[in-house]
Amino acid sequence: MEAEGTNVRRLTYEGSYNDSAAWSPRGDKIAYVSRREGTFAIYLYDMNRGTSIRLTTERGNHENPRWSPDGRHLVFASNRRGSYDIFSVNIEGTDQRQLTFLGGCYTPDWSR
């Protein structure tokens, strides 16, 4: 969509539910959550290529993606180990790390 609200178009066609869209700092990618096969996963839509890649493949639900200020990483909530904690991943889908170990962590945000 253009800044004035014109040229609206649908970007996702797969999944039974797509939510939590977050624009990258450069505005060229969108991280979002898609429910497919009964669980939520983090996907990355590339505006220039018109394609999506899946970033999280582990069991459990992965939700609420948020961008790092430099656009190279995402943080997100995941219940892959039972309760929800915060994880990080680079935009290639590698180097996933658990950042919290308390449980009950649902809405990450990145300091600037």
C-alpha atoms as a PDB file:
ATOM      1  CA  MET A   1       0.000   0.000   0.000  1.00  0.00           C
ATOM      2  CA  GLU A   2       1.180   3.506  -0.742  1.00  0.00           C
ATOM      3  CA  ALA A   3       1.529   6.061   2.072  1.00  0.00           C
ATOM      4  CA  GLU A   4      -1.751   7.723   1.107  1.00  0.00           C
ATOM      5  CA  GLY A   5      -3.620   4.393   1.305  1.00  0.00           C
ATOM      6  CA  THR A   6      -3.783   3.508  -2.397  1.00  0.00           C
ATOM      7  CA  ASN A   7      -2.506   0.358  -4.144  1.00  0.00           C
ATOM      8  CA  VAL A   8      -3.673  -2.037  -1.415  1.00  0.00           C
ATOM      9  CA  ARG A   9      -2.771  -5.640  -2.229  1.00  0.00           C
ATOM     10  CA  ARG A  10      -2.810  -8.996  -0.516  1.00  0.00           C
ATOM     11  CA  LEU A  11       0.620 -10.485   0.222  1.00  0.00           C
ATOM     12  CA  THR A  12      -0.130 -13.852   1.853  1.00  0.00           C
ATOM     13  CA  TYR A  13      -2.272 -16.663   0.510  1.00  0.00           C
ATOM     14  CA  GLU A  14      -1.103 -19.614   2.580  1.00  0.00           C
ATOM     15  CA  GLY A  15      -2.059 -20.527   6.112  1.00  0.00           C
ATOM     16  CA  SER A  16      -5.387 -20.428   7.878  1.00  0.00           C
ATOM     17  CA  TYR A  17      -4.464 -17.324   9.880  1.00  0.00           C
ATOM     18  CA  ASN A  18      -1.816 -14.622   9.297  1.00  0.00           C
ATOM     19  CA  ASP A  19      -1.160 -11.970  11.939  1.00  0.00           C
ATOM     20  CA  SER A  20       1.374  -9.779  13.788  1.00  0.00           C
ATOM     21  CA  ALA A  21       2.924  -8.130  10.738  1.00  0.00           C
ATOM     22  CA  ALA A  22       6.026  -6.064  11.501  1.00  0.00           C
ATOM     23  CA  TRP A  23       7.843  -3.944   8.881  1.00  0.00           C
ATOM     24  CA  SER A  24      11.634  -4.104   8.758  1.00  0.00           C
ATOM     25  CA  PRO A  25      13.490  -0.853   9.526  1.00  0.00           C
ATOM     26  CA  ARG A  26      14.351  -0.449   5.815  1.00  0.00           C
ATOM     27  CA  GLY A  27      10.776  -1.207   4.746  1.00  0.00           C
ATOM     28  CA  ASP A  28      11.783  -4.003   2.364  1.00  0.00           C
ATOM     29  CA  LYS A  29      10.601  -6.995   4.447  1.00  0.00           C
ATOM     30  CA  ILE A  30       7.676  -7.928   6.669  1.00  0.00           C
ATOM     31  CA  ALA A  31       7.933 -10.454   9.495  1.00  0.00           C
ATOM     32  CA  TYR A  32       4.611 -12.114  10.297  1.00  0.00           C
ATOM     33  CA  VAL A  33       3.001 -15.117  11.958  1.00  0.00           C
ATOM     34  CA  SER A  34       1.200 -17.762   9.936  1.00  0.00           C
ATOM     35  CA  ARG A  35      -0.787 -20.736  11.252  1.00  0.00           C
ATOM     36  CA  ARG A  36      -0.150 -23.763   9.097  1.00  0.00           C
ATOM     37  CA  GLU A  37      -0.674 -27.384  10.090  1.00  0.00           C
ATOM     38  CA  GLY A  38      -2.129 -26.252  13.421  1.00  0.00           C
ATOM     39  CA  THR A  39       0.793 -24.226  14.818  1.00  0.00           C
ATOM     40  CA  PHE A  40       2.087 -20.672  14.460  1.00  0.00           C
ATOM     41  CA  ALA A  41       5.442 -20.010  12.779  1.00  0.00           C
ATOM     42  CA  ILE A  42       7.405 -16.861  11.941  1.00  0.00           C
ATOM     43  CA  TYR A  43       7.705 -16.031   8.237  1.00  0.00           C
ATOM     44  CA  LEU A  44       9.576 -13.309   6.408  1.00  0.00           C
ATOM     45  CA  TYR A  45       8.044 -11.698   3.316  1.00  0.00           C
ATOM     46  CA  ASP A  46      10.505 -10.010   0.930  1.00  0.00           C
ATOM     47  CA  MET A  47       8.797  -7.050  -0.745  1.00  0.00           C
ATOM     48  CA  ASN A  48      11.331  -6.942  -3.606  1.00  0.00           C
ATOM     49  CA  ARG A  49      11.046 -10.636  -4.497  1.00  0.00           C
ATOM     50  CA  GLY A  50       7.411 -11.188  -3.554  1.00  0.00           C
ATOM     51  CA  THR A  51       8.298 -14.384  -1.662  1.00  0.00           C
ATOM     52  CA  SER A  52       8.078 -15.682   1.898  1.00  0.00           C
ATOM     53  CA  ILE A  53      10.476 -17.899   3.811  1.00  0.00           C
ATOM     54  CA  ARG A  54       9.793 -19.717   7.058  1.00  0.00           C
ATOM     55  CA  LEU A  55      12.175 -18.760   9.875  1.00  0.00           C
ATOM     56  CA  THR A  56      10.977 -21.050  12.686  1.00  0.00           C
ATOM     57  CA  THR A  57      10.614 -24.792  12.171  1.00  0.00           C
ATOM     58  CA  GLU A  58      10.788 -26.108  15.734  1.00  0.00           C
ATOM     59  CA  ARG A  59       7.707 -27.606  17.377  1.00  0.00           C
ATOM     60  CA  GLY A  60       5.433 -25.298  19.298  1.00  0.00           C
ATOM     61  CA  ASN A  61       4.028 -21.873  18.541  1.00  0.00           C
ATOM     62  CA  HIS A  62       6.204 -18.901  17.573  1.00  0.00           C
ATOM     63  CA  GLU A  63       4.544 -15.483  17.753  1.00  0.00           C
ATOM     64  CA  ASN A  64       4.900 -11.682  17.982  1.00  0.00           C
ATOM     65  CA  PRO A  65       8.000 -10.985  15.856  1.00  0.00           C
ATOM     66  CA  ARG A  66       9.815  -7.671  16.380  1.00  0.00           C
ATOM     67  CA  TRP A  67      12.788  -6.296  14.445  1.00  0.00           C
ATOM     68  CA  SER A  68      16.206  -5.273  15.721  1.00  0.00           C
ATOM     69  CA  PRO A  69      17.041  -1.640  14.904  1.00  0.00           C
ATOM     70  CA  ASP A  70      19.643  -2.762  12.328  1.00  0.00           C
ATOM     71  CA  GLY A  71      17.151  -5.102  10.590  1.00  0.00           C
ATOM     72  CA  ARG A  72      19.419  -8.159  10.910  1.00  0.00           C
ATOM     73  CA  HIS A  73      17.527 -10.015  13.679  1.00  0.00           C
ATOM     74  CA  LEU A  74      14.076 -10.682  15.047  1.00  0.00           C
ATOM     75  CA  VAL A  75      12.914 -11.427  18.574  1.00  0.00           C
ATOM     76  CA  PHE A  76       9.756 -13.458  19.126  1.00  0.00           C
ATOM     77  CA  ALA A  77       7.822 -15.433  21.737  1.00  0.00           C
ATOM     78  CA  SER A  78       7.846 -19.234  21.581  1.00  0.00           C
ATOM     79  CA  ASN A  79       6.477 -22.082  23.678  1.00  0.00           C
ATOM     80  CA  ARG A  80       8.801 -24.683  22.113  1.00  0.00           C
ATOM     81  CA  ARG A  81      10.031 -25.660  25.601  1.00  0.00           C
ATOM     82  CA  GLY A  82       6.644 -25.659  27.316  1.00  0.00           C
ATOM     83  CA  SER A  83       6.038 -22.104  28.499  1.00  0.00           C
ATOM     84  CA  TYR A  84       6.443 -18.918  26.477  1.00  0.00           C
ATOM     85  CA  ASP A  85       9.902 -17.349  26.450  1.00  0.00           C
ATOM     86  CA  ILE A  86      11.682 -14.888  24.163  1.00  0.00           C
ATOM     87  CA  PHE A  87      14.018 -16.073  21.401  1.00  0.00           C
ATOM     88  CA  SER A  88      16.081 -14.323  18.729  1.00  0.00           C
ATOM     89  CA  VAL A  89      16.880 -15.373  15.164  1.00  0.00           C
ATOM     90  CA  ASN A  90      18.760 -13.746  12.295  1.00  0.00           C
ATOM     91  CA  ILE A  91      16.795 -13.027   9.140  1.00  0.00           C
ATOM     92  CA  GLU A  92      18.288 -16.054   7.378  1.00  0.00           C
ATOM     93  CA  GLY A  93      16.559 -18.266   9.968  1.00  0.00           C
ATOM     94  CA  THR A  94      19.778 -19.405  11.646  1.00  0.00           C
ATOM     95  CA  ASP A  95      21.412 -18.755  15.009  1.00  0.00           C
ATOM     96  CA  GLN A  96      18.245 -19.066  17.092  1.00  0.00           C
ATOM     97  CA  ARG A  97      18.836 -18.307  20.764  1.00  0.00           C
ATOM     98  CA  GLN A  98      16.678 -18.401  23.853  1.00  0.00           C
ATOM     99  CA  LEU A  99      16.900 -15.049  25.661  1.00  0.00           C
ATOM    100  CA  THR A 100      14.566 -15.539  28.652  1.00  0.00           C
ATOM    101  CA  PHE A 101      14.055 -18.573  30.883  1.00  0.00           C
ATOM    102  CA  LEU A 102      11.252 -17.405  33.194  1.00  0.00           C
ATOM    103  CA  GLY A 103       8.150 -18.434  31.250  1.00  0.00           C
ATOM    104  CA  GLY A 104       5.208 -16.101  30.749  1.00  0.00           C
ATOM    105  CA  CYS A 105       7.065 -13.919  28.212  1.00  0.00           C
ATOM    106  CA  TYR A 106       4.721 -13.094  25.319  1.00  0.00           C
ATOM    107  CA  THR A 107       5.453  -9.673  23.830  1.00  0.00           C
ATOM    108  CA  PRO A 108       9.077  -8.921  23.029  1.00  0.00           C
ATOM    109  CA  ASP A 109      10.348  -5.514  22.025  1.00  0.00           C
ATOM    110  CA  TRP A 110      13.779  -4.305  21.028  1.00  0.00           C
ATOM    111  CA  SER A 111      15.551  -1.400  22.735  1.00  0.00           C
ATOM    112  CA  ARG A 112      16.768   1.294  20.410  1.00  0.00           C
END
